[in-house]
Every structure is written in structure tokens, then in C-alpha cells.
All heavy atoms as atom14 arrays in JSON, in Angstrom:
{
  "sequence": "VGIFVGNIFGSKYKSKAELAGGVVLILIGLKILLEHLGVINF",
  "atom14_mask": [
    [1, 1, 1, 1, 1, 1, 1, 0, 0, 0, 0, 0, 0, 0],
    [1, 1, 1, 1, 0, 0, 0, 0, 0, 0, 0, 0, 0, 0],
    [1, 1, 1, 1, 1, 1, 1, 1, 0, 0, 0, 0, 0, 0],
    [1, 1, 1, 1, 1, 1, 1, 1, 1, 1, 1, 0, 0, 0],
    [1, 1, 1, 1, 1, 1, 1, 0, 0, 0, 0, 0, 0, 0],
    [1, 1, 1, 1, 0, 0, 0, 0, 0, 0, 0, 0, 0, 0],
    [1, 1, 1, 1, 1, 1, 1, 1, 0, 0, 0, 0, 0, 0],
    [1, 1, 1, 1, 1, 1, 1, 1, 0, 0, 0, 0, 0, 0],
    [1, 1, 1, 1, 1, 1, 1, 1, 1, 1, 1, 0, 0, 0],
    [1, 1, 1, 1, 0, 0, 0, 0, 0, 0, 0, 0, 0, 0],
    [1, 1, 1, 1, 1, 1, 0, 0, 0, 0, 0, 0, 0, 0],
    [1, 1, 1, 1, 1, 1, 1, 1, 1, 0, 0, 0, 0, 0],
    [1, 1, 1, 1, 1, 1, 1, 1, 1, 1, 1, 1, 0, 0],
    [1, 1, 1, 1, 1, 1, 1, 1, 1, 0, 0, 0, 0, 0],
    [1, 1, 1, 1, 1, 1, 0, 0, 0, 0, 0, 0, 0, 0],
    [1, 1, 1, 1, 1, 1, 1, 1, 1, 0, 0, 0, 0, 0],
    [1, 1, 1, 1, 1, 0, 0, 0, 0, 0, 0, 0, 0, 0],
    [1, 1, 1, 1, 1, 1, 1, 1, 1, 0, 0, 0, 0, 0],
    [1, 1, 1, 1, 1, 1, 1, 1, 0, 0, 0, 0, 0, 0],
    [1, 1, 1, 1, 1, 0, 0, 0, 0, 0, 0, 0, 0, 0],
    [1, 1, 1, 1, 0, 0, 0, 0, 0, 0, 0, 0, 0, 0],
    [1, 1, 1, 1, 0, 0, 0, 0, 0, 0, 0, 0, 0, 0],
    [1, 1, 1, 1, 1, 1, 1, 0, 0, 0, 0, 0, 0, 0],
    [1, 1, 1, 1, 1, 1, 1, 0, 0, 0, 0, 0, 0, 0],
    [1, 1, 1, 1, 1, 1, 1, 1, 0, 0, 0, 0, 0, 0],
    [1, 1, 1, 1, 1, 1, 1, 1, 0, 0, 0, 0, 0, 0],
    [1, 1, 1, 1, 1, 1, 1, 1, 0, 0, 0, 0, 0, 0],
    [1, 1, 1, 1, 1, 1, 1, 1, 0, 0, 0, 0, 0, 0],
    [1, 1, 1, 1, 0, 0, 0, 0, 0, 0, 0, 0, 0, 0],
    [1, 1, 1, 1, 1, 1, 1, 1, 0, 0, 0, 0, 0, 0],
    [1, 1, 1, 1, 1, 1, 1, 1, 1, 0, 0, 0, 0, 0],
    [1, 1, 1, 1, 1, 1, 1, 1, 0, 0, 0, 0, 0, 0],
    [1, 1, 1, 1, 1, 1, 1, 1, 0, 0, 0, 0, 0, 0],
    [1, 1, 1, 1, 1, 1, 1, 1, 0, 0, 0, 0, 0, 0],
    [1, 1, 1, 1, 1, 1, 1, 1, 1, 0, 0, 0, 0, 0],
    [1, 1, 1, 1, 1, 1, 1, 1, 1, 1, 0, 0, 0, 0],
    [1, 1, 1, 1, 1, 1, 1, 1, 0, 0, 0, 0, 0, 0],
    [1, 1, 1, 1, 0, 0, 0, 0, 0, 0, 0, 0, 0, 0],
    [1, 1, 1, 1, 1, 1, 1, 0, 0, 0, 0, 0, 0, 0],
    [1, 1, 1, 1, 1, 1, 1, 1, 0, 0, 0, 0, 0, 0],
    [1, 1, 1, 1, 1, 1, 1, 1, 0, 0, 0, 0, 0, 0],
    [1, 1, 1, 1, 1, 1, 1, 1, 1, 1, 1, 0, 0, 0]
  ],
  "atom14_positions": [
    [[-28.23, -27.79, 113.14], [-28.69, -27.01, 111.99], [-29.82, -27.71, 111.32], [-30.79, -27.1, 110.84], [-27.51, -26.75, 111.02], [-27.97, -26.23, 109.71], [-26.46, -25.84, 111.67], [0.0, 0.0, 0.0], [0.0, 0.0, 0.0], [0.0, 0.0, 0.0], [0.0, 0.0, 0.0], [0.0, 0.0, 0.0], [0.0, 0.0, 0.0], [0.0, 0.0, 0.0]],
    [[-29.74, -29.06, 111.22], [-30.83, -29.86, 110.59], [-32.17, -29.68, 111.18], [-33.19, -29.58, 110.48], [0.0, 0.0, 0.0], [0.0, 0.0, 0.0], [0.0, 0.0, 0.0], [0.0, 0.0, 0.0], [0.0, 0.0, 0.0], [0.0, 0.0, 0.0], [0.0, 0.0, 0.0], [0.0, 0.0, 0.0], [0.0, 0.0, 0.0], [0.0, 0.0, 0.0]],
    [[-32.23, -29.54, 112.49], [-33.49, -29.33, 113.21], [-34.12, -28.02, 112.67], [-35.29, -27.96, 112.37], [-33.25, -29.24, 114.78], [-32.97, -30.61, 115.34], [-34.45, -28.57, 115.46], [-34.21, -31.44, 115.51], [0.0, 0.0, 0.0], [0.0, 0.0, 0.0], [0.0, 0.0, 0.0], [0.0, 0.0, 0.0], [0.0, 0.0, 0.0], [0.0, 0.0, 0.0]],
    [[-33.29, -26.93, 112.62], [-33.79, -25.66, 112.14], [-34.23, -25.7, 110.69], [-35.23, -25.19, 110.31], [-32.81, -24.56, 112.38], [-32.66, -24.19, 113.84], [-31.56, -24.54, 114.57], [-33.69, -23.45, 114.43], [-31.43, -24.18, 115.93], [-33.51, -23.08, 115.78], [-32.47, -23.47, 116.47], [0.0, 0.0, 0.0], [0.0, 0.0, 0.0], [0.0, 0.0, 0.0]],
    [[-33.38, -26.31, 109.88], [-33.67, -26.47, 108.44], [-35.02, -27.17, 108.19], [-35.82, -26.73, 107.44], [-32.54, -27.19, 107.65], [-32.97, -27.51, 106.26], [-31.3, -26.32, 107.65], [0.0, 0.0, 0.0], [0.0, 0.0, 0.0], [0.0, 0.0, 0.0], [0.0, 0.0, 0.0], [0.0, 0.0, 0.0], [0.0, 0.0, 0.0], [0.0, 0.0, 0.0]],
    [[-35.18, -28.31, 108.95], [-36.44, -29.06, 108.84], [-37.64, -28.24, 109.32], [-38.69, -28.28, 108.67], [0.0, 0.0, 0.0], [0.0, 0.0, 0.0], [0.0, 0.0, 0.0], [0.0, 0.0, 0.0], [0.0, 0.0, 0.0], [0.0, 0.0, 0.0], [0.0, 0.0, 0.0], [0.0, 0.0, 0.0], [0.0, 0.0, 0.0], [0.0, 0.0, 0.0]],
    [[-37.43, -27.54, 110.32], [-38.55, -26.72, 110.94], [-38.91, -25.55, 109.97], [-40.11, -25.19, 109.86], [-38.17, -26.21, 112.29], [-39.29, -25.59, 113.03], [-39.39, -24.41, 113.16], [-40.17, -26.47, 113.5], [0.0, 0.0, 0.0], [0.0, 0.0, 0.0], [0.0, 0.0, 0.0], [0.0, 0.0, 0.0], [0.0, 0.0, 0.0], [0.0, 0.0, 0.0]],
    [[-37.96, -25.01, 109.3], [-38.18, -23.85, 108.41], [-38.51, -24.21, 107.0], [-39.45, -23.75, 106.41], [-36.95, -22.89, 108.5], [-36.79, -22.33, 109.89], [-37.11, -21.73, 107.47], [-35.48, -21.64, 110.1], [0.0, 0.0, 0.0], [0.0, 0.0, 0.0], [0.0, 0.0, 0.0], [0.0, 0.0, 0.0], [0.0, 0.0, 0.0], [0.0, 0.0, 0.0]],
    [[-37.68, -25.11, 106.44], [-37.83, -25.38, 104.98], [-38.46, -26.73, 104.63], [-38.71, -26.99, 103.48], [-36.44, -25.34, 104.36], [-35.74, -24.01, 104.41], [-34.74, -23.85, 105.26], [-36.21, -22.99, 103.63], [-34.09, -22.64, 105.32], [-35.6, -21.8, 103.69], [-34.48, -21.56, 104.53], [0.0, 0.0, 0.0], [0.0, 0.0, 0.0], [0.0, 0.0, 0.0]],
    [[-38.64, -27.57, 105.59], [-39.25, -28.85, 105.32], [-38.21, -29.84, 104.75], [-36.99, -29.66, 104.93], [0.0, 0.0, 0.0], [0.0, 0.0, 0.0], [0.0, 0.0, 0.0], [0.0, 0.0, 0.0], [0.0, 0.0, 0.0], [0.0, 0.0, 0.0], [0.0, 0.0, 0.0], [0.0, 0.0, 0.0], [0.0, 0.0, 0.0], [0.0, 0.0, 0.0]],
    [[-38.68, -30.87, 104.07], [-37.78, -31.96, 103.63], [-37.11, -31.74, 102.31], [-36.52, -32.61, 101.73], [-38.58, -33.26, 103.58], [-39.64, -33.13, 102.69], [0.0, 0.0, 0.0], [0.0, 0.0, 0.0], [0.0, 0.0, 0.0], [0.0, 0.0, 0.0], [0.0, 0.0, 0.0], [0.0, 0.0, 0.0], [0.0, 0.0, 0.0], [0.0, 0.0, 0.0]],
    [[-37.13, -30.51, 101.79], [-36.64, -30.16, 100.49], [-35.12, -30.53, 100.36], [-34.69, -30.98, 99.26], [-36.8, -28.68, 100.23], [-36.28, -28.2, 98.89], [-36.55, -26.72, 98.77], [-36.04, -26.24, 97.43], [-36.24, -24.79, 97.21], [0.0, 0.0, 0.0], [0.0, 0.0, 0.0], [0.0, 0.0, 0.0], [0.0, 0.0, 0.0], [0.0, 0.0, 0.0]],
    [[-34.34, -30.36, 101.4], [-32.85, -30.55, 101.32], [-32.36, -31.92, 101.78], [-31.18, -32.17, 101.69], [-32.2, -29.41, 102.05], [-32.47, -28.07, 101.56], [-33.34, -27.2, 102.19], [-32.01, -27.66, 100.28], [-33.59, -25.95, 101.7], [-32.32, -26.42, 99.77], [-33.11, -25.59, 100.49], [-33.41, -24.4, 99.99], [0.0, 0.0, 0.0], [0.0, 0.0, 0.0]],
    [[-33.24, -32.73, 102.31], [-32.81, -34.02, 102.88], [-32.06, -34.92, 101.88], [-30.97, -35.34, 102.08], [-34.01, -34.78, 103.41], [-33.68, -36.15, 103.98], [-34.96, -36.88, 104.4], [-34.72, -38.22, 104.86], [-34.34, -39.18, 103.79], [0.0, 0.0, 0.0], [0.0, 0.0, 0.0], [0.0, 0.0, 0.0], [0.0, 0.0, 0.0], [0.0, 0.0, 0.0]],
    [[-32.63, -35.11, 100.69], [-31.96, -36.01, 99.77], [-30.74, -35.37, 99.14], [-29.72, -36.03, 98.84], [-32.93, -36.48, 98.6], [-33.33, -35.32, 97.89], [0.0, 0.0, 0.0], [0.0, 0.0, 0.0], [0.0, 0.0, 0.0], [0.0, 0.0, 0.0], [0.0, 0.0, 0.0], [0.0, 0.0, 0.0], [0.0, 0.0, 0.0], [0.0, 0.0, 0.0]],
    [[-30.68, -34.08, 99.07], [-29.46, -33.38, 98.5], [-28.35, -33.52, 99.5], [-27.2, -33.7, 99.02], [-29.82, -31.92, 98.24], [-30.73, -31.68, 97.03], [-31.01, -30.27, 96.84], [-31.84, -30.01, 95.6], [-33.22, -29.75, 95.75], [0.0, 0.0, 0.0], [0.0, 0.0, 0.0], [0.0, 0.0, 0.0], [0.0, 0.0, 0.0], [0.0, 0.0, 0.0]],
    [[-28.61, -33.5, 100.75], [-27.56, -33.66, 101.78], [-26.97, -35.08, 101.74], [-25.72, -35.23, 101.77], [-28.17, -33.33, 103.15], [0.0, 0.0, 0.0], [0.0, 0.0, 0.0], [0.0, 0.0, 0.0], [0.0, 0.0, 0.0], [0.0, 0.0, 0.0], [0.0, 0.0, 0.0], [0.0, 0.0, 0.0], [0.0, 0.0, 0.0], [0.0, 0.0, 0.0]],
    [[-27.86, -36.06, 101.61], [-27.35, -37.42, 101.48], [-26.52, -37.65, 100.24], [-25.51, -38.31, 100.28], [-28.55, -38.4, 101.55], [-29.13, -38.63, 102.92], [-30.21, -39.62, 102.93], [-30.94, -39.75, 101.96], [-30.44, -40.23, 104.0], [0.0, 0.0, 0.0], [0.0, 0.0, 0.0], [0.0, 0.0, 0.0], [0.0, 0.0, 0.0], [0.0, 0.0, 0.0]],
    [[-26.98, -37.06, 99.15], [-26.24, -37.21, 97.87], [-24.86, -36.56, 97.96], [-23.9, -37.2, 97.61], [-27.08, -36.55, 96.79], [-26.41, -36.58, 95.37], [-26.3, -37.96, 94.87], [-27.21, -35.7, 94.4], [0.0, 0.0, 0.0], [0.0, 0.0, 0.0], [0.0, 0.0, 0.0], [0.0, 0.0, 0.0], [0.0, 0.0, 0.0], [0.0, 0.0, 0.0]],
    [[-24.81, -35.41, 98.53], [-23.52, -34.68, 98.7], [-22.6, -35.49, 99.55], [-21.4, -35.62, 99.29], [-23.73, -33.27, 99.18], [0.0, 0.0, 0.0], [0.0, 0.0, 0.0], [0.0, 0.0, 0.0], [0.0, 0.0, 0.0], [0.0, 0.0, 0.0], [0.0, 0.0, 0.0], [0.0, 0.0, 0.0], [0.0, 0.0, 0.0], [0.0, 0.0, 0.0]],
    [[-23.1, -35.97, 100.64], [-22.28, -36.8, 101.62], [-21.76, -38.05, 100.9], [-20.59, -38.41, 101.13], [0.0, 0.0, 0.0], [0.0, 0.0, 0.0], [0.0, 0.0, 0.0], [0.0, 0.0, 0.0], [0.0, 0.0, 0.0], [0.0, 0.0, 0.0], [0.0, 0.0, 0.0], [0.0, 0.0, 0.0], [0.0, 0.0, 0.0], [0.0, 0.0, 0.0]],
    [[-22.57, -38.73, 100.13], [-22.08, -39.89, 99.44], [-21.02, -39.6, 98.4], [-20.02, -40.34, 98.34], [0.0, 0.0, 0.0], [0.0, 0.0, 0.0], [0.0, 0.0, 0.0], [0.0, 0.0, 0.0], [0.0, 0.0, 0.0], [0.0, 0.0, 0.0], [0.0, 0.0, 0.0], [0.0, 0.0, 0.0], [0.0, 0.0, 0.0], [0.0, 0.0, 0.0]],
    [[-21.16, -38.55, 97.64], [-20.17, -38.16, 96.69], [-18.82, -37.84, 97.38], [-17.78, -38.27, 96.88], [-20.66, -36.98, 95.83], [-19.52, -36.43, 94.95], [-21.83, -37.46, 94.93], [0.0, 0.0, 0.0], [0.0, 0.0, 0.0], [0.0, 0.0, 0.0], [0.0, 0.0, 0.0], [0.0, 0.0, 0.0], [0.0, 0.0, 0.0], [0.0, 0.0, 0.0]],
    [[-18.86, -37.1, 98.5], [-17.67, -36.74, 99.22], [-16.97, -37.93, 99.68], [-15.68, -38.09, 99.57], [-17.99, -35.71, 100.38], [-16.81, -35.61, 101.3], [-18.39, -34.4, 99.84], [0.0, 0.0, 0.0], [0.0, 0.0, 0.0], [0.0, 0.0, 0.0], [0.0, 0.0, 0.0], [0.0, 0.0, 0.0], [0.0, 0.0, 0.0], [0.0, 0.0, 0.0]],
    [[-17.63, -38.93, 100.23], [-17.01, -40.13, 100.74], [-16.36, -40.91, 99.64], [-15.17, -41.45, 99.79], [-18.06, -41.07, 101.52], [-18.41, -40.58, 102.86], [-19.43, -41.54, 103.45], [-17.28, -40.43, 103.78], [0.0, 0.0, 0.0], [0.0, 0.0, 0.0], [0.0, 0.0, 0.0], [0.0, 0.0, 0.0], [0.0, 0.0, 0.0], [0.0, 0.0, 0.0]],
    [[-16.99, -41.07, 98.53], [-16.39, -41.76, 97.36], [-15.18, -41.07, 96.9], [-14.12, -41.71, 96.6], [-17.43, -41.95, 96.22], [-18.51, -42.93, 96.66], [-16.74, -42.38, 94.95], [-19.7, -43.01, 95.7], [0.0, 0.0, 0.0], [0.0, 0.0, 0.0], [0.0, 0.0, 0.0], [0.0, 0.0, 0.0], [0.0, 0.0, 0.0], [0.0, 0.0, 0.0]],
    [[-15.17, -39.74, 96.77], [-14.02, -38.95, 96.34], [-12.87, -39.12, 97.34], [-11.68, -39.24, 96.89], [-14.38, -37.53, 96.13], [-15.3, -37.25, 94.94], [-15.68, -35.75, 94.89], [-14.69, -37.66, 93.59], [0.0, 0.0, 0.0], [0.0, 0.0, 0.0], [0.0, 0.0, 0.0], [0.0, 0.0, 0.0], [0.0, 0.0, 0.0], [0.0, 0.0, 0.0]],
    [[-13.17, -39.09, 98.6], [-12.01, -39.24, 99.58], [-11.47, -40.66, 99.53], [-10.23, -40.85, 99.55], [-12.56, -38.88, 100.98], [-12.72, -37.36, 101.08], [-11.49, -39.36, 102.04], [-13.36, -36.95, 102.4], [0.0, 0.0, 0.0], [0.0, 0.0, 0.0], [0.0, 0.0, 0.0], [0.0, 0.0, 0.0], [0.0, 0.0, 0.0], [0.0, 0.0, 0.0]],
    [[-12.27, -41.64, 99.32], [-11.79, -43.04, 99.15], [-10.91, -43.11, 97.92], [-9.88, -43.75, 97.95], [0.0, 0.0, 0.0], [0.0, 0.0, 0.0], [0.0, 0.0, 0.0], [0.0, 0.0, 0.0], [0.0, 0.0, 0.0], [0.0, 0.0, 0.0], [0.0, 0.0, 0.0], [0.0, 0.0, 0.0], [0.0, 0.0, 0.0], [0.0, 0.0, 0.0]],
    [[-11.29, -42.53, 96.88], [-10.52, -42.48, 95.61], [-9.19, -41.81, 95.83], [-8.11, -42.26, 95.35], [-11.3, -41.82, 94.45], [-10.74, -41.88, 93.08], [-10.51, -43.32, 92.63], [-11.66, -41.17, 92.1], [0.0, 0.0, 0.0], [0.0, 0.0, 0.0], [0.0, 0.0, 0.0], [0.0, 0.0, 0.0], [0.0, 0.0, 0.0], [0.0, 0.0, 0.0]],
    [[-9.22, -40.68, 96.54], [-8.0, -39.95, 96.81], [-7.02, -40.79, 97.63], [-5.79, -40.84, 97.33], [-8.33, -38.67, 97.61], [-7.1, -37.85, 98.03], [-7.57, -36.67, 98.93], [-6.33, -35.92, 99.43], [-5.88, -36.34, 100.65], [0.0, 0.0, 0.0], [0.0, 0.0, 0.0], [0.0, 0.0, 0.0], [0.0, 0.0, 0.0], [0.0, 0.0, 0.0]],
    [[-7.47, -41.52, 98.63], [-6.65, -42.44, 99.47], [-6.01, -43.45, 98.54], [-4.8, -43.74, 98.67], [-7.47, -43.14, 100.6], [-7.87, -42.08, 101.65], [-6.72, -44.21, 101.18], [-8.93, -42.59, 102.58], [0.0, 0.0, 0.0], [0.0, 0.0, 0.0], [0.0, 0.0, 0.0], [0.0, 0.0, 0.0], [0.0, 0.0, 0.0], [0.0, 0.0, 0.0]],
    [[-6.77, -44.06, 97.7], [-6.28, -45.13, 96.8], [-5.18, -44.54, 95.86], [-4.13, -45.13, 95.67], [-7.45, -45.78, 96.02], [-7.06, -46.88, 95.05], [-6.45, -48.05, 95.76], [-8.23, -47.32, 94.23], [0.0, 0.0, 0.0], [0.0, 0.0, 0.0], [0.0, 0.0, 0.0], [0.0, 0.0, 0.0], [0.0, 0.0, 0.0], [0.0, 0.0, 0.0]],
    [[-5.53, -43.43, 95.23], [-4.59, -42.83, 94.27], [-3.32, -42.34, 94.89], [-2.29, -42.47, 94.34], [-5.29, -41.7, 93.47], [-6.43, -42.12, 92.53], [-7.18, -40.94, 91.92], [-6.0, -43.17, 91.47], [0.0, 0.0, 0.0], [0.0, 0.0, 0.0], [0.0, 0.0, 0.0], [0.0, 0.0, 0.0], [0.0, 0.0, 0.0], [0.0, 0.0, 0.0]],
    [[-3.43, -41.83, 96.12], [-2.21, -41.43, 96.79], [-1.34, -42.61, 97.1], [-0.08, -42.56, 96.93], [-2.61, -40.72, 98.16], [-3.01, -39.29, 98.0], [-3.34, -38.65, 99.36], [-3.68, -39.37, 100.31], [-3.41, -37.4, 99.42], [0.0, 0.0, 0.0], [0.0, 0.0, 0.0], [0.0, 0.0, 0.0], [0.0, 0.0, 0.0], [0.0, 0.0, 0.0]],
    [[-1.92, -43.73, 97.54], [-1.13, -44.9, 97.87], [-0.49, -45.51, 96.64], [0.61, -46.07, 96.73], [-2.0, -45.95, 98.59], [-1.25, -47.1, 99.1], [-0.48, -47.01, 100.3], [-1.0, -48.32, 98.59], [0.1, -48.22, 100.47], [-0.17, -49.0, 99.48], [0.0, 0.0, 0.0], [0.0, 0.0, 0.0], [0.0, 0.0, 0.0], [0.0, 0.0, 0.0]],
    [[-1.16, -45.46, 95.55], [-0.65, -46.0, 94.29], [0.36, -45.06, 93.64], [0.94, -45.38, 92.63], [-1.8, -46.31, 93.31], [-2.79, -47.4, 93.77], [-3.95, -47.51, 92.77], [-2.11, -48.69, 93.94], [0.0, 0.0, 0.0], [0.0, 0.0, 0.0], [0.0, 0.0, 0.0], [0.0, 0.0, 0.0], [0.0, 0.0, 0.0], [0.0, 0.0, 0.0]],
    [[0.52, -43.85, 94.2], [1.49, -42.89, 93.71], [1.0, -42.13, 92.51], [1.84, -41.46, 91.83], [0.0, 0.0, 0.0], [0.0, 0.0, 0.0], [0.0, 0.0, 0.0], [0.0, 0.0, 0.0], [0.0, 0.0, 0.0], [0.0, 0.0, 0.0], [0.0, 0.0, 0.0], [0.0, 0.0, 0.0], [0.0, 0.0, 0.0], [0.0, 0.0, 0.0]],
    [[-0.29, -42.17, 92.19], [-0.82, -41.44, 91.09], [-0.94, -39.92, 91.4], [-0.67, -39.08, 90.49], [-2.23, -42.0, 90.66], [-2.84, -41.18, 89.53], [-2.04, -43.47, 90.22], [0.0, 0.0, 0.0], [0.0, 0.0, 0.0], [0.0, 0.0, 0.0], [0.0, 0.0, 0.0], [0.0, 0.0, 0.0], [0.0, 0.0, 0.0], [0.0, 0.0, 0.0]],
    [[-1.34, -39.61, 92.59], [-1.4, -38.23, 93.02], [-0.69, -38.08, 94.35], [-0.43, -39.05, 95.06], [-2.9, -37.73, 93.17], [-3.64, -38.6, 94.21], [-3.58, -37.67, 91.83], [-4.97, -38.06, 94.57], [0.0, 0.0, 0.0], [0.0, 0.0, 0.0], [0.0, 0.0, 0.0], [0.0, 0.0, 0.0], [0.0, 0.0, 0.0], [0.0, 0.0, 0.0]],
    [[-0.34, -36.83, 94.72], [0.33, -36.6, 95.94], [-0.18, -35.28, 96.5], [0.18, -34.21, 96.06], [1.84, -36.52, 95.73], [2.56, -36.53, 97.07], [2.01, -36.73, 98.14], [3.83, -36.15, 97.0], [0.0, 0.0, 0.0], [0.0, 0.0, 0.0], [0.0, 0.0, 0.0], [0.0, 0.0, 0.0], [0.0, 0.0, 0.0], [0.0, 0.0, 0.0]],
    [[-1.06, -35.39, 97.55], [-1.57, -34.18, 98.21], [-0.89, -33.94, 99.53], [-0.53, -34.73, 100.26], [-3.13, -34.28, 98.48], [-3.93, -34.09, 97.25], [-4.57, -35.1, 96.61], [-4.05, -32.76, 96.73], [-5.33, -34.85, 95.5], [-4.87, -32.55, 95.64], [-5.49, -33.56, 94.99], [0.0, 0.0, 0.0], [0.0, 0.0, 0.0], [0.0, 0.0, 0.0]]
  ]
}
């Protein structure tokens, strides 16, 4: 999909994709920690 996005739209979405990926990883890490500590239970 990235090949097509780059070919059609240019570099407009590159930094937004990296930002979203970083936020998701931090939130999943926090979820793992909070689950283990018993603060949340998913």
C-alpha cells in the first residue's frame, strides 16, 4: 500500500504513519504493564 500511497500522494503521510505507529506501541506496552500489575483486565 505504501508504494501506491507514495506514488500517488507523495511524502505527505510518511511522518503521520510513524507517529501513529509509535503511539500504538507505547499504548500496548502500557496495557501489558497495567494488566500485569492488576490495574486493568482485558
